[in-house]
Amino acid sequence: MTIQQLGRYRIDGVLGEGAMGVVYRAFDPLLERVVAIKTIKFDASLSEKESFERRFFREAKSVARLSHPAIVTLYDAGKAEDVAYMAMEFLEGRELRRFISEAGPLPYTRIADMMAAVADGLDYAHRQGVVHRDIKPANLMVLADGAVKITDFGIAQLQTGSKTMTGHMLGTPKYMAPEQIMGHPVDGRADIFSLGVVLYQWLTGVAPFDGETVTTIMYRVINEGPVLPTRLMPELPPGFEAILAKALAKSPEERYQTAGELAADLRRYAELGSPGPVLGLAAQAQPQPRIPPSPSEDPTMLLAHPFTDTNPLSLSPAPQEAPASPPARRGKALWLGIAAVAIAGGAFALLPTERSAGNGATPAPAASTAAPEPQPAARVDLAIAPWGEVVVDGEPKGISPPLESIELLPGHHEVEIRNGQSEPHRLTLELGAGDTYKIKHKFK
């Protein structure tokens, strides 16, 4: 059945449909103007509907306070029978994803200015206490004059509070910050991460975190660094690489702390000709793909660059060795410890290497007198549904699925499986050498 009227608004047509509801083109006879009406679906019990309505109007009031050139203006919110709706500024323009495909290559200065304008809007909203939570190309509208507007403020927050959404991913995983995927509290720095993903995709043509399944994408967002942008686009000004390194830091503390800081760097990207130590990237003399060298002072250290071809924590401890094992083997017993040191947005991982006979160490004895080999590791197989973050003795091991098994040293281990929507599943393991144990758990 087609809706013809919502409150005082006359419905003139459908503009689009989304996960939360339908967006209509409508006419406001009181103020004689065209508006966009976004309806909100909500199927639940009476008590949940009452709770939803309270959240809906509370969020509408918060968004209605926002008045910024880069944010779509919310005019009104209401309810007609069982349909909640928001009436907002009608825009003549294209979603950013469509604009990028149709406009073709743009000057880097233009891209930086447009993204800086979005960052300005986010900075304003964050200072008003409003976090978007779902920044992606579909929620950025490019107008005919080139101005960019952020849409759908408040919608993600409504989803967060809805009990009927339990078990569904809130937001879009490939654009979400690690802490958001893991169900931790988020602030404006999550929006900064998301905008960094959008910028990376615009500059390189590929998403920094992608995969065939949602769980694969989630794992990569949390655990892996994206490929160096200059590997994909060698002519890319290095200033963008420095900006992306900081915006896409896994830890919120290592990112830009405000969107205003991000906007300022975007407008001066050309001055960041070499990432240098200021933003934690290794300077490069040649405009070739930027692969950080291993520090020569200490052969036991490797630079974990914010952009890598593999998970930074899975890099081989020596250049001559084979590439690291896939993520499912990250828990291998040879990982004796990992320490992350944040230096102005850059991250360094301290990785163990095999002891050599140098540096004053006693040469290894002959094979006939060699010490007994260490006991074989124990293996823990995982069968988690729909997904869970695996933490062993306080150390994150990855997301299962796709993580299928981990190897642990024999002994006592505290295991916790986390899913942002449910209580963690905790258990204590006593593992012997070569033991195999299976953890099977389904979150409700």
Protein backbone atom coordinates (compact mmCIF):
# COMPACT_ATOMS: atom_id res chain seq x y z
CA MET A 1 0.00 0.00 0.00
CA THR A 2 1.43 3.37 -1.05
CA ILE A 3 1.56 6.09 1.59
CA GLN A 4 -0.01 9.34 0.36
CA GLN A 5 0.21 11.45 3.53
CA LEU A 6 2.41 11.59 6.64
CA GLY A 7 1.25 14.20 9.13
CA ARG A 8 0.91 17.42 7.21
CA TYR A 9 3.28 16.24 4.47
CA ARG A 10 1.99 15.15 1.08
CA ILE A 11 3.98 12.23 -0.32
CA ASP A 12 4.95 12.79 -3.97
CA GLY A 13 7.24 9.84 -4.63
CA VAL A 14 9.91 7.42 -3.40
CA LEU A 15 13.53 8.57 -3.34
CA GLY A 16 15.03 5.33 -2.04
CA GLU A 17 14.86 2.50 0.45
CA GLY A 18 17.29 1.56 3.19
CA ALA A 19 17.69 -0.88 6.06
CA MET A 20 15.65 1.32 8.39
CA GLY A 21 12.84 2.38 6.07
CA VAL A 22 11.78 4.31 2.98
CA VAL A 23 12.80 7.83 1.96
CA TYR A 24 10.09 9.87 0.24
CA ARG A 25 9.95 13.13 -1.65
CA ALA A 26 7.19 15.18 -0.02
CA PHE A 27 5.67 18.64 0.05
CA ASP A 28 5.13 20.75 3.16
CA PRO A 29 2.00 22.88 2.52
CA LEU A 30 2.55 25.00 5.64
CA LEU A 31 5.96 26.33 4.58
CA GLU A 32 5.44 25.58 0.89
CA ARG A 33 8.65 23.69 0.31
CA VAL A 34 9.81 20.31 -0.87
CA VAL A 35 11.26 18.05 1.85
CA ALA A 36 12.68 14.56 2.17
CA ILE A 37 10.81 12.26 4.56
CA LYS A 38 12.66 9.30 6.07
CA THR A 39 10.41 6.71 7.69
CA ILE A 40 11.67 4.37 10.38
CA LYS A 41 10.64 0.71 10.54
CA PHE A 42 10.10 -0.81 13.94
CA ASP A 43 8.44 -4.17 14.57
CA ALA A 44 8.32 -5.04 18.26
CA SER A 45 6.16 -5.41 21.32
CA LEU A 46 4.18 -2.51 22.77
CA SER A 47 6.69 -1.87 25.56
CA GLU A 48 9.57 -1.83 23.06
CA LYS A 49 7.67 0.55 20.79
CA GLU A 50 7.21 2.97 23.66
CA SER A 51 10.94 2.81 24.41
CA PHE A 52 11.74 3.28 20.73
CA GLU A 53 9.50 6.34 20.46
CA ARG A 54 11.26 7.96 23.40
CA ARG A 55 14.67 7.32 21.81
CA PHE A 56 13.40 8.44 18.43
CA PHE A 57 12.27 11.86 19.59
CA ARG A 58 15.31 12.27 21.85
CA GLU A 59 17.62 11.63 18.90
CA ALA A 60 15.54 13.92 16.67
CA LYS A 61 15.96 16.73 19.19
CA SER A 62 19.72 16.18 19.27
CA VAL A 63 20.04 16.20 15.49
CA ALA A 64 17.71 19.19 15.14
CA ARG A 65 20.26 21.24 17.13
CA LEU A 66 22.85 20.72 14.40
CA SER A 67 23.13 23.67 12.05
CA HIS A 68 26.16 23.42 9.77
CA PRO A 69 26.73 23.80 6.00
CA ALA A 70 28.02 20.22 5.78
CA ILE A 71 25.09 18.61 7.64
CA VAL A 72 21.60 18.02 6.24
CA THR A 73 19.09 20.12 8.21
CA LEU A 74 16.37 18.28 10.13
CA TYR A 75 13.10 20.24 10.04
CA ASP A 76 10.62 18.07 11.87
CA ALA A 77 9.93 14.66 13.40
CA GLY A 78 6.64 12.98 14.07
CA LYS A 79 4.53 9.87 14.10
CA ALA A 80 1.57 8.97 11.91
CA GLU A 81 -0.24 5.84 13.12
CA ASP A 82 2.60 3.29 13.49
CA VAL A 83 5.10 5.10 11.25
CA ALA A 84 7.79 7.32 12.77
CA TYR A 85 9.35 9.81 10.38
CA MET A 86 11.85 12.65 10.04
CA ALA A 87 11.32 15.56 7.66
CA MET A 88 14.59 17.03 6.43
CA GLU A 89 16.18 19.27 3.86
CA PHE A 90 15.63 18.03 0.30
CA LEU A 91 18.89 17.82 -1.61
CA GLU A 92 19.47 17.86 -5.36
CA GLY A 93 22.64 15.86 -5.71
CA ARG A 94 24.32 12.46 -5.85
CA GLU A 95 25.61 10.09 -3.21
CA LEU A 96 29.40 10.21 -3.00
CA ARG A 97 29.78 6.66 -4.32
CA ARG A 98 27.85 7.60 -7.46
CA PHE A 99 29.62 10.96 -7.75
CA ILE A 100 33.02 9.24 -7.67
CA SER A 101 32.08 6.81 -10.44
CA GLU A 102 30.50 9.47 -12.64
CA ALA A 103 32.81 12.44 -12.08
CA GLY A 104 35.99 10.51 -12.86
CA PRO A 105 39.44 11.51 -11.56
CA LEU A 106 39.55 14.79 -9.64
CA PRO A 107 42.52 16.95 -8.59
CA TYR A 108 43.89 15.91 -5.23
CA THR A 109 43.25 19.41 -3.93
CA ARG A 110 39.56 19.03 -4.72
CA ILE A 111 39.35 15.68 -2.97
CA ALA A 112 41.14 17.06 0.09
CA ASP A 113 38.85 20.10 0.24
CA MET A 114 35.68 18.00 -0.01
CA MET A 115 36.81 15.57 2.68
CA ALA A 116 37.95 18.48 4.88
CA ALA A 117 34.45 19.95 4.61
CA VAL A 118 32.98 16.66 5.83
CA ALA A 119 35.50 16.59 8.68
CA ASP A 120 34.44 20.13 9.60
CA GLY A 121 30.82 18.97 9.82
CA LEU A 122 31.76 16.00 11.97
CA ASP A 123 33.87 18.19 14.24
CA TYR A 124 30.90 20.50 14.77
CA ALA A 125 28.54 17.59 15.51
CA HIS A 126 30.99 15.98 17.93
CA ARG A 127 31.29 19.24 19.85
CA GLN A 128 27.50 19.16 20.19
CA GLY A 129 27.70 15.65 21.61
CA VAL A 130 26.38 13.88 18.49
CA VAL A 131 28.29 10.97 16.91
CA HIS A 132 27.18 9.75 13.48
CA ARG A 133 28.32 6.09 13.75
CA ASP A 134 27.69 5.24 10.07
CA ILE A 135 29.90 7.44 7.90
CA LYS A 136 30.14 5.90 4.42
CA PRO A 137 29.80 7.08 0.78
CA ALA A 138 26.05 6.37 0.80
CA ASN A 139 25.61 8.89 3.64
CA LEU A 140 27.58 11.68 1.97
CA MET A 141 25.70 13.72 -0.63
CA VAL A 142 27.48 15.83 -3.25
CA LEU A 143 25.40 18.77 -4.48
CA ALA A 144 25.49 20.35 -7.92
CA ASP A 145 27.84 23.10 -6.72
CA GLY A 146 30.29 20.55 -5.30
CA ALA A 147 29.34 21.03 -1.66
CA VAL A 148 29.14 17.89 0.47
CA LYS A 149 26.42 17.17 3.03
CA ILE A 150 26.34 14.47 5.70
CA THR A 151 23.01 12.64 5.92
CA ASP A 152 21.39 10.21 8.37
CA PHE A 153 22.58 11.68 11.66
CA GLY A 154 20.83 9.98 14.55
CA ILE A 155 19.77 6.84 12.68
CA ALA A 156 22.67 4.68 13.85
CA GLN A 157 22.07 5.70 17.46
CA LEU A 158 18.45 4.60 17.12
CA GLN A 159 19.64 1.21 15.88
CA THR A 160 22.02 0.87 18.80
CA GLY A 161 19.19 1.06 21.31
CA SER A 162 16.78 -1.26 19.49
CA LYS A 163 16.35 -4.70 21.00
CA THR A 164 14.94 -5.95 17.71
CA MET A 165 18.33 -5.27 16.13
CA THR A 166 20.17 -7.73 18.37
CA GLY A 167 22.31 -10.08 16.29
CA HIS A 168 22.46 -7.66 13.34
CA MET A 169 25.49 -5.62 12.44
CA LEU A 170 24.89 -1.94 13.24
CA GLY A 171 26.44 0.24 10.60
CA THR A 172 28.46 -0.99 7.64
CA PRO A 173 31.37 -3.27 8.70
CA LYS A 174 33.92 -2.23 6.08
CA TYR A 175 33.61 1.41 7.23
CA MET A 176 33.36 0.78 10.98
CA ALA A 177 36.08 1.39 13.55
CA PRO A 178 37.53 -1.64 15.40
CA GLU A 179 36.03 -0.59 18.73
CA GLN A 180 32.60 -0.25 17.11
CA ILE A 181 32.75 -3.76 15.63
CA MET A 182 33.75 -5.18 19.02
CA GLY A 183 30.77 -3.52 20.69
CA HIS A 184 32.81 -1.10 22.81
CA PRO A 185 31.57 2.44 23.56
CA VAL A 186 32.39 4.82 20.71
CA ASP A 187 32.98 8.55 20.39
CA GLY A 188 33.83 10.92 17.55
CA ARG A 189 37.08 9.08 16.84
CA ALA A 190 35.03 6.22 15.37
CA ASP A 191 33.65 8.67 12.78
CA ILE A 192 37.23 9.77 12.05
CA PHE A 193 38.22 6.16 11.31
CA SER A 194 35.20 5.76 9.01
CA LEU A 195 36.02 8.94 7.12
CA GLY A 196 39.59 7.65 6.74
CA VAL A 197 38.19 4.50 5.10
CA VAL A 198 36.15 6.65 2.69
CA LEU A 199 39.20 8.76 1.82
CA TYR A 200 41.38 5.67 1.26
CA GLN A 201 38.76 4.17 -1.05
CA TRP A 202 38.38 7.40 -3.01
CA LEU A 203 42.14 7.84 -3.48
CA THR A 204 42.96 4.24 -4.39
CA GLY A 205 39.74 2.88 -5.87
CA VAL A 206 39.65 -0.06 -3.42
CA ALA A 207 38.37 -0.49 0.13
CA PRO A 208 41.14 -0.82 2.75
CA PHE A 209 39.26 -3.64 4.47
CA ASP A 210 37.27 -6.01 2.30
CA GLY A 211 36.36 -9.66 2.02
CA GLU A 212 33.80 -12.12 0.78
CA THR A 213 32.02 -12.39 4.13
CA VAL A 214 31.13 -9.99 6.92
CA THR A 215 33.23 -11.94 9.40
CA THR A 216 36.30 -11.71 7.14
CA ILE A 217 35.85 -7.96 6.86
CA MET A 218 35.41 -7.62 10.62
CA TYR A 219 38.55 -9.63 11.27
CA ARG A 220 40.59 -7.47 8.90
CA VAL A 221 39.32 -4.21 10.37
CA ILE A 222 40.31 -5.31 13.86
CA ASN A 223 43.58 -7.11 13.11
CA GLU A 224 45.06 -6.15 9.75
CA GLY A 225 46.51 -2.99 8.25
CA PRO A 226 45.57 -1.95 4.71
CA VAL A 227 47.98 -2.08 1.80
CA LEU A 228 50.18 1.00 1.41
CA PRO A 229 48.17 3.49 -0.67
CA THR A 230 51.24 4.25 -2.77
CA ARG A 231 51.50 0.58 -3.76
CA LEU A 232 48.13 1.01 -5.43
CA MET A 233 48.69 4.60 -6.61
CA PRO A 234 52.44 5.33 -6.81
CA GLU A 235 51.81 8.94 -7.82
CA LEU A 236 49.76 9.63 -4.67
CA PRO A 237 51.19 12.58 -2.69
CA PRO A 238 52.84 11.14 0.44
CA GLY A 239 50.95 13.63 2.60
CA PHE A 240 47.78 11.58 2.07
CA GLU A 241 49.59 8.47 3.24
CA ALA A 242 50.56 10.22 6.44
CA ILE A 243 46.99 11.38 7.01
CA LEU A 244 45.53 7.93 6.37
CA ALA A 245 48.04 6.29 8.69
CA LYS A 246 46.79 8.40 11.57
CA ALA A 247 43.09 8.31 10.70
CA LEU A 248 43.10 4.50 10.38
CA ALA A 249 45.03 3.70 13.55
CA LYS A 250 43.49 0.71 15.31
CA SER A 251 43.54 2.40 18.72
CA PRO A 252 41.39 5.53 19.13
CA GLU A 253 44.18 7.07 21.21
CA GLU A 254 46.54 6.92 18.22
CA ARG A 255 44.11 8.55 15.77
CA TYR A 256 43.32 12.20 15.26
CA GLN A 257 41.63 13.19 18.49
CA THR A 258 39.24 15.59 16.78
CA ALA A 259 37.84 15.77 13.26
CA GLY A 260 39.03 19.38 13.20
CA GLU A 261 42.63 18.13 13.38
CA LEU A 262 41.94 15.84 10.42
CA ALA A 263 40.39 18.71 8.44
CA ALA A 264 43.45 20.89 9.09
CA ASP A 265 45.86 18.20 7.83
CA LEU A 266 43.73 17.55 4.75
CA ARG A 267 43.98 21.21 3.80
CA ARG A 268 47.77 21.12 4.14
CA TYR A 269 48.40 17.66 2.70
CA ALA A 270 50.92 19.09 0.23
CA GLU A 271 53.05 20.33 3.13
CA LEU A 272 53.29 16.77 4.42
CA GLY A 273 55.56 15.92 1.49
CA SER A 274 57.32 13.25 3.50
CA PRO A 275 55.41 11.46 6.27
CA GLY A 276 58.53 11.58 8.44
CA PRO A 277 58.52 10.87 12.15
CA VAL A 278 55.82 13.43 12.95
CA LEU A 279 53.00 11.09 11.96
CA GLY A 280 54.88 7.91 12.65
CA LEU A 281 55.79 6.84 9.12
CA ALA A 282 59.22 6.04 7.75
CA ALA A 283 60.47 8.71 5.33
CA GLN A 284 61.25 7.47 1.84
CA ALA A 285 63.67 8.99 -0.63
CA GLN A 286 62.10 7.44 -3.73
CA PRO A 287 58.44 7.90 -4.77
CA GLN A 288 58.05 4.13 -4.91
CA PRO A 289 55.81 1.90 -2.76
CA ARG A 290 56.66 2.79 0.81
CA ILE A 291 57.75 -0.36 2.65
CA PRO A 292 59.40 0.43 5.99
CA PRO A 293 62.81 -1.23 6.52
CA SER A 294 63.63 -3.23 9.61
CA PRO A 295 65.60 -1.14 12.12
CA SER A 296 69.23 -2.12 11.72
CA GLU A 297 70.16 -1.24 15.30
CA ASP A 298 68.29 -4.21 16.74
CA PRO A 299 67.65 -7.33 14.64
CA THR A 300 64.91 -8.40 17.05
CA MET A 301 62.68 -5.45 16.07
CA LEU A 302 60.43 -4.93 13.08
CA LEU A 303 58.51 -1.84 12.14
CA ALA A 304 54.77 -2.51 12.11
CA HIS A 305 53.69 0.08 9.59
CA PRO A 306 50.06 1.27 9.72
CA PHE A 307 49.75 0.06 6.09
CA THR A 308 51.00 -3.44 5.35
CA ASP A 309 50.42 -6.23 2.90
CA THR A 310 49.72 -8.55 5.83
CA ASN A 311 48.69 -8.28 9.44
CA PRO A 312 51.49 -6.27 11.14
CA LEU A 313 51.51 -8.68 14.05
CA SER A 314 52.10 -11.60 11.67
CA LEU A 315 55.26 -10.29 9.98
CA SER A 316 58.21 -12.65 9.80
CA PRO A 317 60.98 -11.85 12.31
CA ALA A 318 63.68 -11.79 9.61
CA PRO A 319 63.64 -10.65 5.96
CA GLN A 320 64.99 -13.94 4.64
CA GLU A 321 62.25 -16.02 6.19
CA ALA A 322 59.05 -17.07 4.46
CA PRO A 323 55.93 -14.91 4.76
CA ALA A 324 53.95 -15.13 7.94
CA SER A 325 51.38 -17.82 8.57
CA PRO A 326 47.74 -16.99 7.87
CA PRO A 327 45.67 -15.32 10.61
CA ALA A 328 44.35 -18.64 11.90
CA ARG A 329 47.88 -19.47 13.14
CA ARG A 330 48.55 -16.20 14.90
CA GLY A 331 48.36 -17.91 18.25
CA LYS A 332 51.40 -20.11 17.51
CA ALA A 333 53.62 -20.81 20.48
CA LEU A 334 56.59 -18.92 19.04
CA TRP A 335 54.81 -15.67 19.82
CA LEU A 336 56.34 -15.03 23.19
CA GLY A 337 55.15 -11.47 23.48
CA ILE A 338 54.08 -8.43 21.54
CA ALA A 339 54.44 -4.84 22.75
CA ALA A 340 52.90 -1.96 20.86
CA VAL A 341 54.49 1.48 21.19
CA ALA A 342 52.53 4.42 19.79
CA ILE A 343 54.67 7.30 18.49
CA ALA A 344 52.52 10.24 17.35
CA GLY A 345 50.03 8.01 15.54
CA GLY A 346 52.51 5.37 14.32
CA ALA A 347 52.74 1.89 15.77
CA PHE A 348 55.77 -0.31 16.37
CA ALA A 349 55.53 -4.02 17.18
CA LEU A 350 58.33 -5.69 19.08
CA LEU A 351 58.58 -9.18 17.74
CA PRO A 352 60.79 -12.03 19.07
CA THR A 353 63.34 -13.70 16.83
CA GLU A 354 65.38 -16.81 17.22
CA ARG A 355 68.50 -16.41 19.31
CA SER A 356 71.71 -16.49 17.33
CA ALA A 357 75.29 -17.24 18.34
CA GLY A 358 76.20 -13.56 18.01
CA ASN A 359 76.00 -10.70 20.49
CA GLY A 360 78.06 -12.60 23.05
CA ALA A 361 75.78 -15.64 23.15
CA THR A 362 77.38 -19.06 23.59
CA PRO A 363 77.47 -20.98 20.26
CA ALA A 364 74.87 -23.70 20.00
CA PRO A 365 76.18 -27.15 21.03
CA ALA A 366 76.50 -29.96 18.52
CA ALA A 367 73.40 -31.91 17.59
CA SER A 368 74.46 -34.82 19.80
CA THR A 369 74.37 -32.62 22.91
CA ALA A 370 71.46 -30.38 21.92
CA ALA A 371 68.82 -29.69 24.53
CA PRO A 372 65.52 -31.53 24.15
CA GLU A 373 63.05 -29.87 21.79
CA PRO A 374 60.22 -27.96 23.47
CA GLN A 375 56.96 -29.73 24.06
CA PRO A 376 54.46 -29.48 21.18
CA ALA A 377 51.82 -26.79 21.50
CA ALA A 378 48.22 -27.54 22.31
CA ARG A 379 45.55 -26.75 19.72
CA VAL A 380 42.18 -25.20 20.44
CA ASP A 381 39.57 -25.55 17.68
CA LEU A 382 36.80 -22.96 17.51
CA ALA A 383 33.14 -23.22 16.50
CA ILE A 384 31.55 -19.86 17.36
CA ALA A 385 28.21 -18.60 16.03
CA PRO A 386 27.45 -16.08 14.67
CA TRP A 387 30.90 -14.65 15.55
CA GLY A 388 33.07 -13.82 18.52
CA GLU A 389 36.33 -12.10 19.40
CA VAL A 390 38.71 -14.64 20.95
CA VAL A 391 40.82 -13.36 23.86
CA VAL A 392 43.34 -15.63 25.62
CA ASP A 393 44.98 -14.48 28.85
CA GLY A 394 43.97 -10.93 28.02
CA GLU A 395 45.50 -11.01 24.51
CA PRO A 396 43.16 -10.77 21.46
CA LYS A 397 43.69 -13.65 19.05
CA GLY A 398 41.20 -12.72 16.32
CA ILE A 399 37.59 -13.08 15.22
CA SER A 400 35.99 -16.53 14.84
CA PRO A 401 34.92 -17.16 12.15
CA PRO A 402 37.11 -16.91 10.04
CA LEU A 403 39.54 -17.93 12.83
CA GLU A 404 39.20 -21.71 13.12
CA SER A 405 41.91 -22.69 15.60
CA ILE A 406 44.71 -21.33 17.78
CA GLU A 407 47.83 -22.94 19.21
CA LEU A 408 48.77 -22.33 22.85
CA LEU A 409 51.62 -23.29 25.14
CA PRO A 410 50.81 -26.17 27.50
CA GLY A 411 49.49 -24.95 30.83
CA HIS A 412 46.75 -22.80 32.35
CA HIS A 413 44.84 -20.34 30.13
CA GLU A 414 41.87 -18.04 30.67
CA VAL A 415 39.75 -17.80 27.50
CA GLU A 416 37.02 -15.28 26.79
CA ILE A 417 34.80 -15.15 23.68
CA ARG A 418 33.24 -11.73 23.18
CA ASN A 419 30.29 -10.67 21.06
CA GLY A 420 29.20 -7.05 21.38
CA GLN A 421 25.52 -8.02 21.67
CA SER A 422 25.77 -10.68 24.43
CA GLU A 423 27.47 -11.63 27.67
CA PRO A 424 31.03 -12.93 27.08
CA HIS A 425 31.57 -16.70 27.17
CA ARG A 426 34.39 -17.46 29.63
CA LEU A 427 36.22 -20.69 30.41
CA THR A 428 39.46 -21.93 31.98
CA LEU A 429 41.65 -24.44 30.13
CA GLU A 430 44.38 -26.73 31.47
CA LEU A 431 46.21 -27.90 28.36
CA GLY A 432 48.86 -30.55 28.04
CA ALA A 433 51.49 -30.82 25.31
CA GLY A 434 49.85 -31.84 22.04
CA ASP A 435 46.31 -31.68 23.46
CA THR A 436 43.40 -30.77 21.21
CA TYR A 437 40.40 -28.98 22.72
CA LYS A 438 37.26 -27.66 21.01
CA ILE A 439 35.32 -24.58 22.08
CA LYS A 440 31.79 -24.58 20.76
CA HIS A 441 29.51 -21.68 21.64
CA LYS A 442 26.50 -19.94 20.11
CA PHE A 443 25.61 -16.42 21.19
CA LYS A 444 21.89 -15.77 21.59
